[in-house]
Structure formats: C-alpha cells, structure tokens
Amino acid sequence: QVQLVESGGGSVQPGGSLTLSCAASGRGFSVEAVGWFRQAPGQERKFVARIYRSKGANYADGVKGRFTISRDNAKSTVSLQMNNLQPEDTADYYCFAFATLSWGQGTQVTVSS
C-alpha cells in the first residue's frame, strides 16, 4: 500500500504558476504509474496527467503545453508544474497511484483575479 500526501496548492492570478508535489510513503512507489486528477466544485474528478515508471507521461488535452509532470523515484515524489494558470484550472488536485488505487487527500488550487 502507498500513502500519498499532496502539497503546494494556493491562490494565484490568471497567468500565474504553481508547483504541486505528491510525497509517497510505503512500498512499491518507484514501480507505479502516478497521476494527478482534479475536481472542481460540483463536477466529477477528472484526469490531468500521468507519469510512468519510465518517466514517459501523458496529459489531458486542456493542460498540454501548460502543465508538466515529473517524478523523482529516489525521493518518492511526483510533481506537477502548472504554468499559465486560468480560472478553469480552479479545483482540488489529487495524486493517484494506479497500481494500488491509492489517493491523496488533495490540495486546493484557486485561480482568480
């Protein structure tokens, strides 16, 4: 089982940047694909990005070119660099480990002028 803890959320103006971090504890993190999902108020949780053990990645269409996911297996962390944030990016962001179906508790991102 993997435990995940997100951090780095906050409030920014449109066009701003934030970096979210997901710290993992427990066994097996380095072999897992890990992703970020987000959930806006009143909406379902949606896929944002995923990174594989090999560090290949894929992204939702709405964040391609603005968000970058990365991982440090030695530190058991996954990061999400978010640039050019827009109001529609406002949501709670969750880290997810695909193999163990583990979720973090979420971190809030608010983009507003």
Protein backbone atom coordinates (compact mmCIF):
# COMPACT_ATOMS: atom_id res chain seq x y z
CA GLN A 1 0.00 0.00 0.00
CA VAL A 2 1.21 3.51 -0.84
CA GLN A 3 0.28 6.61 1.14
CA LEU A 4 0.22 9.89 -0.75
CA VAL A 5 0.35 13.46 0.58
CA GLU A 6 -0.10 16.46 -1.71
CA SER A 7 1.18 19.97 -1.11
CA GLY A 8 1.78 23.20 -2.98
CA GLY A 9 -1.73 24.40 -3.66
CA GLY A 10 -2.74 28.00 -3.25
CA SER A 11 -4.25 31.04 -4.89
CA VAL A 12 -2.80 32.71 -7.96
CA GLN A 13 -3.86 35.21 -10.57
CA PRO A 14 -4.56 34.15 -14.17
CA GLY A 15 -1.30 33.57 -15.97
CA GLY A 16 0.47 32.57 -12.79
CA SER A 17 2.25 29.35 -11.88
CA LEU A 18 2.19 26.78 -9.12
CA THR A 19 4.02 23.54 -8.48
CA LEU A 20 2.20 20.74 -6.73
CA SER A 21 4.07 17.94 -5.01
CA CYS A 22 2.99 14.43 -4.09
CA ALA A 23 5.08 12.66 -1.47
CA ALA A 24 4.70 8.90 -1.21
CA SER A 25 5.44 6.52 1.59
CA GLY A 26 5.14 2.77 1.63
CA ARG A 27 6.42 0.09 -0.68
CA GLY A 28 6.34 0.00 -4.42
CA PHE A 29 6.13 3.65 -5.35
CA SER A 30 9.00 3.57 -7.80
CA VAL A 31 7.32 0.90 -9.93
CA GLU A 32 3.94 2.57 -10.10
CA ALA A 33 2.44 4.90 -12.63
CA VAL A 34 1.32 8.00 -10.72
CA GLY A 35 -1.09 10.64 -11.83
CA TRP A 36 -2.84 13.86 -10.97
CA PHE A 37 -6.59 14.34 -11.11
CA ARG A 38 -8.67 17.39 -10.29
CA GLN A 39 -12.18 18.04 -9.12
CA ALA A 40 -13.89 21.38 -9.50
CA PRO A 41 -16.88 22.25 -7.29
CA GLY A 42 -19.95 20.36 -8.41
CA GLN A 43 -18.05 18.38 -11.03
CA GLU A 44 -16.65 14.87 -11.26
CA ARG A 45 -12.99 14.14 -10.72
CA LYS A 46 -11.04 14.29 -13.98
CA PHE A 47 -7.67 13.12 -15.24
CA VAL A 48 -4.94 15.73 -15.58
CA ALA A 49 -1.63 13.94 -16.14
CA ARG A 50 0.15 10.63 -15.59
CA ILE A 51 3.77 9.62 -15.41
CA TYR A 52 5.07 6.10 -15.78
CA ARG A 53 7.97 4.39 -14.08
CA SER A 54 9.99 5.06 -17.24
CA LYS A 55 9.09 8.75 -16.86
CA GLY A 56 7.02 8.77 -20.02
CA ALA A 57 3.95 10.92 -19.50
CA ASN A 58 0.58 11.84 -20.93
CA TYR A 59 -1.75 14.77 -20.33
CA ALA A 60 -5.34 15.81 -20.65
CA ASP A 61 -5.93 17.98 -23.70
CA GLY A 62 -6.76 21.07 -21.68
CA VAL A 63 -3.40 21.18 -19.91
CA LYS A 64 -0.99 20.10 -22.65
CA GLY A 65 1.76 22.65 -23.10
CA ARG A 66 0.99 24.32 -19.76
CA PHE A 67 1.46 21.53 -17.20
CA THR A 68 4.47 19.28 -16.75
CA ILE A 69 4.53 16.16 -14.60
CA SER A 70 7.79 14.78 -13.27
CA ARG A 71 8.98 12.28 -10.71
CA ASP A 72 11.96 11.58 -8.51
CA ASN A 73 11.91 7.90 -7.64
CA ALA A 74 14.81 8.26 -5.21
CA LYS A 75 12.76 10.75 -3.19
CA SER A 76 9.40 9.07 -3.88
CA THR A 77 7.88 12.28 -5.13
CA VAL A 78 5.84 13.34 -8.13
CA SER A 79 5.46 16.99 -9.08
CA LEU A 80 3.08 18.90 -11.31
CA GLN A 81 4.41 22.18 -12.64
CA MET A 82 1.47 24.32 -13.73
CA ASN A 83 2.07 27.40 -15.86
CA ASN A 84 -0.25 29.96 -17.38
CA LEU A 85 -2.99 29.01 -14.96
CA GLN A 86 -6.52 30.01 -15.86
CA PRO A 87 -9.72 30.29 -13.82
CA GLU A 88 -10.93 26.99 -15.26
CA ASP A 89 -7.97 25.29 -13.58
CA THR A 90 -9.52 26.05 -10.20
CA ALA A 91 -10.09 22.73 -8.45
CA ASP A 92 -8.93 20.36 -5.76
CA TYR A 93 -5.97 18.41 -7.13
CA TYR A 94 -5.38 14.80 -6.13
CA CYS A 95 -2.43 12.48 -6.52
CA PHE A 96 -3.24 8.88 -7.51
CA ALA A 97 -1.16 5.69 -7.62
CA PHE A 98 -2.58 3.49 -10.36
CA ALA A 99 -1.33 0.08 -9.28
CA THR A 100 -2.52 0.33 -5.69
CA LEU A 101 -5.52 2.62 -6.39
CA SER A 102 -4.30 4.99 -3.68
CA TRP A 103 -5.48 8.61 -3.42
CA GLY A 104 -4.00 11.52 -1.54
CA GLN A 105 -6.15 13.92 0.46
CA GLY A 106 -5.98 16.68 -2.15
CA THR A 107 -4.68 20.22 -2.35
CA GLN A 108 -6.70 23.23 -3.42
CA VAL A 109 -5.80 25.46 -6.36
CA THR A 110 -7.66 28.72 -6.95
CA VAL A 111 -7.05 30.91 -9.99
CA SER A 112 -8.75 34.27 -9.76
CA SER A 113 -8.10 37.92 -10.41
